[in-house]
PDB file of N, CA and C in Angstrom:
ATOM      1  N   UNK A   1     -23.724  15.829  19.449  1.00  0.00           N
ATOM      2  CA  UNK A   1     -23.439  14.759  20.388  1.00  0.00           C
ATOM      3  C   UNK A   1     -24.446  14.784  21.542  1.00  0.00           C
ATOM      4  N   UNK A   2     -24.809  15.984  22.023  1.00  0.00           N
ATOM      5  CA  UNK A   2     -25.727  16.070  23.155  1.00  0.00           C
ATOM      6  C   UNK A   2     -27.095  15.478  22.807  1.00  0.00           C
ATOM      7  N   UNK A   3     -27.563  15.748  21.580  1.00  0.00           N
ATOM      8  CA  UNK A   3     -28.866  15.227  21.169  1.00  0.00           C
ATOM      9  C   UNK A   3     -28.879  13.700  21.184  1.00  0.00           C
ATOM     10  N   UNK A   4     -27.769  13.093  20.802  1.00  0.00           N
ATOM     11  CA  UNK A   4     -27.672  11.634  20.817  1.00  0.00           C
ATOM     12  C   UNK A   4     -27.686  11.103  22.253  1.00  0.00           C
ATOM     13  N   UNK A   5     -26.984  11.784  23.142  1.00  0.00           N
ATOM     14  CA  UNK A   5     -26.981  11.403  24.557  1.00  0.00           C
ATOM     15  C   UNK A   5     -28.395  11.552  25.130  1.00  0.00           C
ATOM     16  N   UNK A   6     -29.074  12.634  24.797  1.00  0.00           N
ATOM     17  CA  UNK A   6     -30.460  12.816  25.236  1.00  0.00           C
ATOM     18  C   UNK A   6     -31.316  11.624  24.792  1.00  0.00           C
ATOM     19  N   UNK A   7     -31.172  11.245  23.537  1.00  0.00           N
ATOM     20  CA  UNK A   7     -31.970  10.155  22.976  1.00  0.00           C
ATOM     21  C   UNK A   7     -31.690   8.837  23.698  1.00  0.00           C
ATOM     22  N   UNK A   8     -30.423   8.552  23.939  1.00  0.00           N
ATOM     23  CA  UNK A   8     -30.051   7.305  24.626  1.00  0.00           C
ATOM     24  C   UNK A   8     -30.628   7.277  26.041  1.00  0.00           C
ATOM     25  N   UNK A   9     -30.459   8.364  26.772  1.00  0.00           N
ATOM     26  CA  UNK A   9     -30.974   8.417  28.143  1.00  0.00           C
ATOM     27  C   UNK A   9     -32.495   8.294  28.130  1.00  0.00           C
ATOM     28  N   UNK A  10     -33.148   8.988  27.205  1.00  0.00           N
ATOM     29  CA  UNK A  10     -34.610   8.933  27.120  1.00  0.00           C
ATOM     30  C   UNK A  10     -35.077   7.507  26.847  1.00  0.00           C
ATOM     31  N   UNK A  11     -34.408   6.818  25.931  1.00  0.00           N
ATOM     32  CA  UNK A  11     -34.775   5.438  25.616  1.00  0.00           C
ATOM     33  C   UNK A  11     -34.590   4.533  26.830  1.00  0.00           C
ATOM     34  N   UNK A  12     -33.468   4.672  27.510  1.00  0.00           N
ATOM     35  CA  UNK A  12     -33.169   3.814  28.654  1.00  0.00           C
ATOM     36  C   UNK A  12     -34.123   4.066  29.822  1.00  0.00           C
ATOM     37  N   UNK A  13     -34.540   5.320  29.987  1.00  0.00           N
ATOM     38  CA  UNK A  13     -35.338   5.687  31.152  1.00  0.00           C
ATOM     39  C   UNK A  13     -36.834   5.833  30.846  1.00  0.00           C
ATOM     40  N   UNK A  14     -37.226   5.608  29.589  1.00  0.00           N
ATOM     41  CA  UNK A  14     -38.638   5.710  29.232  1.00  0.00           C
ATOM     42  C   UNK A  14     -39.176   7.127  29.259  1.00  0.00           C
ATOM     43  N   UNK A  15     -38.315   8.095  28.940  1.00  0.00           N
ATOM     44  CA  UNK A  15     -38.724   9.499  28.896  1.00  0.00           C
ATOM     45  C   UNK A  15     -39.294   9.775  27.503  1.00  0.00           C
ATOM     46  N   UNK A  16     -40.521  10.257  27.447  1.00  0.00           N
ATOM     47  CA  UNK A  16     -41.185  10.469  26.162  1.00  0.00           C
ATOM     48  C   UNK A  16     -40.586  11.627  25.365  1.00  0.00           C
ATOM     49  N   UNK A  17     -40.128  12.652  26.033  1.00  0.00           N
ATOM     50  CA  UNK A  17     -39.589  13.829  25.355  1.00  0.00           C
ATOM     51  C   UNK A  17     -38.100  13.967  25.661  1.00  0.00           C
ATOM     52  N   UNK A  18     -37.231  13.488  24.750  1.00  0.00           N
ATOM     53  CA  UNK A  18     -35.780  13.578  25.003  1.00  0.00           C
ATOM     54  C   UNK A  18     -35.302  15.002  25.269  1.00  0.00           C
ATOM     55  N   UNK A  19     -35.991  15.997  24.688  1.00  0.00           N
ATOM     56  CA  UNK A  19     -35.561  17.386  24.873  1.00  0.00           C
ATOM     57  C   UNK A  19     -35.777  17.877  26.300  1.00  0.00           C
ATOM     58  N   UNK A  20     -36.531  17.115  27.092  1.00  0.00           N
ATOM     59  CA  UNK A  20     -36.706  17.499  28.501  1.00  0.00           C
ATOM     60  C   UNK A  20     -35.460  17.178  29.322  1.00  0.00           C
ATOM     61  N   UNK A  21     -34.562  16.418  28.740  1.00  0.00           N
ATOM     62  CA  UNK A  21     -33.294  16.083  29.405  1.00  0.00           C
ATOM     63  C   UNK A  21     -32.292  17.176  29.060  1.00  0.00           C
ATOM     64  N   UNK A  22     -31.769  17.830  30.097  1.00  0.00           N
ATOM     65  CA  UNK A  22     -30.829  18.935  29.899  1.00  0.00           C
ATOM     66  C   UNK A  22     -29.488  18.585  30.542  1.00  0.00           C
ATOM     67  N   UNK A  23     -28.536  19.476  30.388  1.00  0.00           N
ATOM     68  CA  UNK A  23     -27.232  19.293  31.028  1.00  0.00           C
ATOM     69  C   UNK A  23     -27.368  19.174  32.535  1.00  0.00           C
ATOM     70  N   UNK A  24     -28.361  19.850  33.097  1.00  0.00           N
ATOM     71  CA  UNK A  24     -28.536  19.870  34.548  1.00  0.00           C
ATOM     72  C   UNK A  24     -29.371  18.717  35.076  1.00  0.00           C
ATOM     73  N   UNK A  25     -29.877  17.868  34.187  1.00  0.00           N
ATOM     74  CA  UNK A  25     -30.692  16.736  34.631  1.00  0.00           C
ATOM     75  C   UNK A  25     -29.855  15.789  35.480  1.00  0.00           C
ATOM     76  N   UNK A  26     -30.383  15.455  36.647  1.00  0.00           N
ATOM     77  CA  UNK A  26     -29.732  14.524  37.570  1.00  0.00           C
ATOM     78  C   UNK A  26     -30.328  13.150  37.316  1.00  0.00           C
ATOM     79  N   UNK A  27     -29.466  12.177  37.042  1.00  0.00           N
ATOM     80  CA  UNK A  27     -29.939  10.855  36.653  1.00  0.00           C
ATOM     81  C   UNK A  27     -30.800  10.196  37.726  1.00  0.00           C
ATOM     82  N   UNK A  28     -30.426  10.342  38.984  1.00  0.00           N
ATOM     83  CA  UNK A  28     -31.192   9.710  40.065  1.00  0.00           C
ATOM     84  C   UNK A  28     -32.342  10.604  40.511  1.00  0.00           C
ATOM     85  N   UNK A  29     -32.029  11.842  40.889  1.00  0.00           N
ATOM     86  CA  UNK A  29     -33.046  12.724  41.465  1.00  0.00           C
ATOM     87  C   UNK A  29     -34.142  13.097  40.464  1.00  0.00           C
ATOM     88  N   UNK A  30     -33.767  13.357  39.208  1.00  0.00           N
ATOM     89  CA  UNK A  30     -34.744  13.807  38.215  1.00  0.00           C
ATOM     90  C   UNK A  30     -35.369  12.661  37.422  1.00  0.00           C
ATOM     91  N   UNK A  31     -34.583  11.629  37.142  1.00  0.00           N
ATOM     92  CA  UNK A  31     -35.082  10.543  36.291  1.00  0.00           C
ATOM     93  C   UNK A  31     -35.363   9.255  37.049  1.00  0.00           C
ATOM     94  N   UNK A  32     -34.954   9.193  38.308  1.00  0.00           N
ATOM     95  CA  UNK A  32     -35.201   8.003  39.103  1.00  0.00           C
ATOM     96  C   UNK A  32     -34.342   6.809  38.727  1.00  0.00           C
ATOM     97  N   UNK A  33     -33.181   7.073  38.141  1.00  0.00           N
ATOM     98  CA  UNK A  33     -32.296   5.980  37.723  1.00  0.00           C
ATOM     99  C   UNK A  33     -31.738   5.242  38.938  1.00  0.00           C
ATOM    100  N   UNK A  34     -31.746   3.919  38.863  1.00  0.00           N
ATOM    101  CA  UNK A  34     -31.066   3.130  39.889  1.00  0.00           C
ATOM    102  C   UNK A  34     -29.736   2.659  39.305  1.00  0.00           C
ATOM    103  N   UNK A  35     -29.013   1.840  40.030  1.00  0.00           N
ATOM    104  CA  UNK A  35     -27.683   1.431  39.567  1.00  0.00           C
ATOM    105  C   UNK A  35     -27.751   0.634  38.267  1.00  0.00           C
ATOM    106  N   UNK A  36     -28.792  -0.138  38.086  1.00  0.00           N
ATOM    107  CA  UNK A  36     -28.936  -0.904  36.838  1.00  0.00           C
ATOM    108  C   UNK A  36     -29.230   0.035  35.675  1.00  0.00           C
ATOM    109  N   UNK A  37     -30.113   1.012  35.887  1.00  0.00           N
ATOM    110  CA  UNK A  37     -30.401   1.995  34.844  1.00  0.00           C
ATOM    111  C   UNK A  37     -29.134   2.747  34.450  1.00  0.00           C
ATOM    112  N   UNK A  38     -28.377   3.175  35.452  1.00  0.00           N
ATOM    113  CA  UNK A  38     -27.145   3.914  35.189  1.00  0.00           C
ATOM    114  C   UNK A  38     -26.160   3.061  34.393  1.00  0.00           C
ATOM    115  N   UNK A  39     -26.032   1.792  34.750  1.00  0.00           N
ATOM    116  CA  UNK A  39     -25.133   0.894  34.025  1.00  0.00           C
ATOM    117  C   UNK A  39     -25.597   0.723  32.586  1.00  0.00           C
ATOM    118  N   UNK A  40     -26.899   0.600  32.367  1.00  0.00           N
ATOM    119  CA  UNK A  40     -27.421   0.451  31.011  1.00  0.00           C
ATOM    120  C   UNK A  40     -27.181   1.707  30.182  1.00  0.00           C
ATOM    121  N   UNK A  41     -27.313   2.871  30.798  1.00  0.00           N
ATOM    122  CA  UNK A  41     -27.025   4.126  30.091  1.00  0.00           C
ATOM    123  C   UNK A  41     -25.557   4.166  29.697  1.00  0.00           C
ATOM    124  N   UNK A  42     -24.672   3.834  30.621  1.00  0.00           N
ATOM    125  CA  UNK A  42     -23.236   3.846  30.342  1.00  0.00           C
ATOM    126  C   UNK A  42     -22.893   2.861  29.219  1.00  0.00           C
ATOM    127  N   UNK A  43     -23.445   1.658  29.271  1.00  0.00           N
ATOM    128  CA  UNK A  43     -23.179   0.647  28.239  1.00  0.00           C
ATOM    129  C   UNK A  43     -23.663   1.143  26.876  1.00  0.00           C
ATOM    130  N   UNK A  44     -24.838   1.750  26.838  1.00  0.00           N
ATOM    131  CA  UNK A  44     -25.369   2.277  25.578  1.00  0.00           C
ATOM    132  C   UNK A  44     -24.494   3.407  25.039  1.00  0.00           C
ATOM    133  N   UNK A  45     -24.033   4.287  25.920  1.00  0.00           N
ATOM    134  CA  UNK A  45     -23.149   5.392  25.509  1.00  0.00           C
ATOM    135  C   UNK A  45     -21.829   4.832  24.984  1.00  0.00           C
ATOM    136  N   UNK A  46     -21.260   3.873  25.700  1.00  0.00           N
ATOM    137  CA  UNK A  46     -19.992   3.263  25.265  1.00  0.00           C
ATOM    138  C   UNK A  46     -20.154   2.647  23.878  1.00  0.00           C
ATOM    139  N   UNK A  47     -21.245   1.944  23.650  1.00  0.00           N
ATOM    140  CA  UNK A  47     -21.472   1.316  22.357  1.00  0.00           C
ATOM    141  C   UNK A  47     -21.664   2.331  21.250  1.00  0.00           C
ATOM    142  N   UNK A  48     -22.416   3.362  21.523  1.00  0.00           N
ATOM    143  CA  UNK A  48     -22.712   4.379  20.514  1.00  0.00           C
ATOM    144  C   UNK A  48     -21.467   5.158  20.105  1.00  0.00           C
ATOM    145  N   UNK A  49     -20.634   5.497  21.084  1.00  0.00           N
ATOM    146  CA  UNK A  49     -19.466   6.338  20.808  1.00  0.00           C
ATOM    147  C   UNK A  49     -18.168   5.542  20.693  1.00  0.00           C
ATOM    148  N   UNK A  50     -18.264   4.220  20.815  1.00  0.00           N
ATOM    149  CA  UNK A  50     -17.110   3.328  20.701  1.00  0.00           C
ATOM    150  C   UNK A  50     -15.979   3.758  21.630  1.00  0.00           C
ATOM    151  N   UNK A  51     -16.341   3.956  22.896  1.00  0.00           N
ATOM    152  CA  UNK A  51     -15.368   4.318  23.929  1.00  0.00           C
ATOM    153  C   UNK A  51     -15.599   3.424  25.137  1.00  0.00           C
ATOM    154  N   UNK A  52     -14.663   3.478  26.076  1.00  0.00           N
ATOM    155  CA  UNK A  52     -14.852   2.774  27.336  1.00  0.00           C
ATOM    156  C   UNK A  52     -14.817   3.793  28.462  1.00  0.00           C
ATOM    157  N   UNK A  53     -15.825   3.752  29.308  1.00  0.00           N
ATOM    158  CA  UNK A  53     -15.881   4.637  30.462  1.00  0.00           C
ATOM    159  C   UNK A  53     -15.449   3.804  31.668  1.00  0.00           C
ATOM    160  N   UNK A  54     -14.318   4.152  32.275  1.00  0.00           N
ATOM    161  CA  UNK A  54     -13.842   3.373  33.431  1.00  0.00           C
ATOM    162  C   UNK A  54     -14.896   3.321  34.533  1.00  0.00           C
ATOM    163  N   UNK A  55     -14.938   2.203  35.247  1.00  0.00           N
ATOM    164  CA  UNK A  55     -15.945   1.999  36.291  1.00  0.00           C
ATOM    165  C   UNK A  55     -15.953   3.116  37.325  1.00  0.00           C
ATOM    166  N   UNK A  56     -14.773   3.572  37.750  1.00  0.00           N
ATOM    167  CA  UNK A  56     -14.736   4.618  38.775  1.00  0.00           C
ATOM    168  C   UNK A  56     -15.351   5.923  38.269  1.00  0.00           C
ATOM    169  N   UNK A  57     -15.148   6.224  36.982  1.00  0.00           N
ATOM    170  CA  UNK A  57     -15.753   7.418  36.394  1.00  0.00           C
ATOM    171  C   UNK A  57     -17.266   7.214  36.267  1.00  0.00           C
ATOM    172  N   UNK A  58     -17.655   6.054  35.741  1.00  0.00           N
ATOM    173  CA  UNK A  58     -19.078   5.759  35.543  1.00  0.00           C
ATOM    174  C   UNK A  58     -19.845   5.864  36.860  1.00  0.00           C
ATOM    175  N   UNK A  59     -19.257   5.369  37.929  1.00  0.00           N
ATOM    176  CA  UNK A  59     -19.924   5.400  39.229  1.00  0.00           C
ATOM    177  C   UNK A  59     -20.032   6.806  39.807  1.00  0.00           C
ATOM    178  N   UNK A  60     -19.184   7.714  39.344  1.00  0.00           N
ATOM    179  CA  UNK A  60     -19.205   9.073  39.872  1.00  0.00           C
ATOM    180  C   UNK A  60     -20.136  10.000  39.083  1.00  0.00           C
ATOM    181  N   UNK A  61     -20.618   9.571  37.935  1.00  0.00           N
ATOM    182  CA  UNK A  61     -21.475  10.416  37.101  1.00  0.00           C
ATOM    183  C   UNK A  61     -22.870  10.485  37.714  1.00  0.00           C
ATOM    184  N   UNK A  62     -23.298  11.691  38.002  1.00  0.00           N
ATOM    185  CA  UNK A  62     -24.616  11.917  38.592  1.00  0.00           C
ATOM    186  C   UNK A  62     -25.514  12.752  37.685  1.00  0.00           C
ATOM    187  N   UNK A  63     -24.888  13.698  36.959  1.00  0.00           N
ATOM    188  CA  UNK A  63     -25.645  14.611  36.103  1.00  0.00           C
ATOM    189  C   UNK A  63     -25.254  14.402  34.646  1.00  0.00           C
ATOM    190  N   UNK A  64     -26.157  14.789  33.767  1.00  0.00           N
ATOM    191  CA  UNK A  64     -25.883  14.697  32.335  1.00  0.00           C
ATOM    192  C   UNK A  64     -24.639  15.530  31.997  1.00  0.00           C
ATOM    193  N   UNK A  65     -24.465  16.663  32.647  1.00  0.00           N
ATOM    194  CA  UNK A  65     -23.303  17.519  32.362  1.00  0.00           C
ATOM    195  C   UNK A  65     -21.993  16.788  32.646  1.00  0.00           C
ATOM    196  N   UNK A  66     -21.958  15.969  33.687  1.00  0.00           N
ATOM    197  CA  UNK A  66     -20.738  15.212  34.006  1.00  0.00           C
ATOM    198  C   UNK A  66     -20.458  14.161  32.930  1.00  0.00           C
ATOM    199  N   UNK A  67     -21.511  13.539  32.433  1.00  0.00           N
ATOM    200  CA  UNK A  67     -21.359  12.566  31.352  1.00  0.00           C
ATOM    201  C   UNK A  67     -20.867  13.256  30.089  1.00  0.00           C
ATOM    202  N   UNK A  68     -21.433  14.410  29.775  1.00  0.00           N
ATOM    203  CA  UNK A  68     -21.022  15.155  28.584  1.00  0.00           C
ATOM    204  C   UNK A  68     -19.572  15.617  28.689  1.00  0.00           C
ATOM    205  N   UNK A  69     -19.168  16.068  29.862  1.00  0.00           N
ATOM    206  CA  UNK A  69     -17.782  16.506  30.052  1.00  0.00           C
ATOM    207  C   UNK A  69     -16.824  15.347  29.788  1.00  0.00           C
ATOM    208  N   UNK A  70     -17.141  14.166  30.311  1.00  0.00           N
ATOM    209  CA  UNK A  70     -16.288  13.003  30.056  1.00  0.00           C
ATOM    210  C   UNK A  70     -16.251  12.692  28.564  1.00  0.00           C
ATOM    211  N   UNK A  71     -17.400  12.674  27.922  1.00  0.00           N
ATOM    212  CA  UNK A  71     -17.450  12.338  26.492  1.00  0.00           C
ATOM    213  C   UNK A  71     -16.666  13.334  25.651  1.00  0.00           C
ATOM    214  N   UNK A  72     -16.846  14.621  25.936  1.00  0.00           N
ATOM    215  CA  UNK A  72     -16.140  15.641  25.164  1.00  0.00           C
ATOM    216  C   UNK A  72     -14.634  15.485  25.297  1.00  0.00           C
ATOM    217  N   UNK A  73     -14.147  15.172  26.482  1.00  0.00           N
ATOM    218  CA  UNK A  73     -12.720  14.964  26.688  1.00  0.00           C
ATOM    219  C   UNK A  73     -12.241  13.665  26.054  1.00  0.00           C
ATOM    220  N   UNK A  74     -13.053  12.634  26.095  1.00  0.00           N
ATOM    221  CA  UNK A  74     -12.655  11.313  25.577  1.00  0.00           C
ATOM    222  C   UNK A  74     -12.627  11.294  24.050  1.00  0.00           C
ATOM    223  N   UNK A  75     -13.475  12.082  23.430  1.00  0.00           N
ATOM    224  CA  UNK A  75     -13.602  12.027  21.972  1.00  0.00           C
ATOM    225  C   UNK A  75     -12.685  13.017  21.280  1.00  0.00           C
ATOM    226  N   UNK A  76     -12.192  14.008  21.986  1.00  0.00           N
ATOM    227  CA  UNK A  76     -11.295  15.009  21.379  1.00  0.00           C
ATOM    228  C   UNK A  76     -10.076  14.385  20.764  1.00  0.00           C
TER     229      UNK A  76
END
């Protein structure tokens, strides 16, 4: 699941090496994501995993680890 999330984030943010994205990667500080980028990442994740991430949760996600924690709990 993490590799797929890496790929989605890399595609959305134009990162050439998806493996450079780690659990500790900060979407804004490390990747320069703005609110539109973050929304596009969330929409892509929702589509890929067929889940809905509530707006309040989506707005609070700052690091890849926080996104992974939500996904792991939502998919269990």
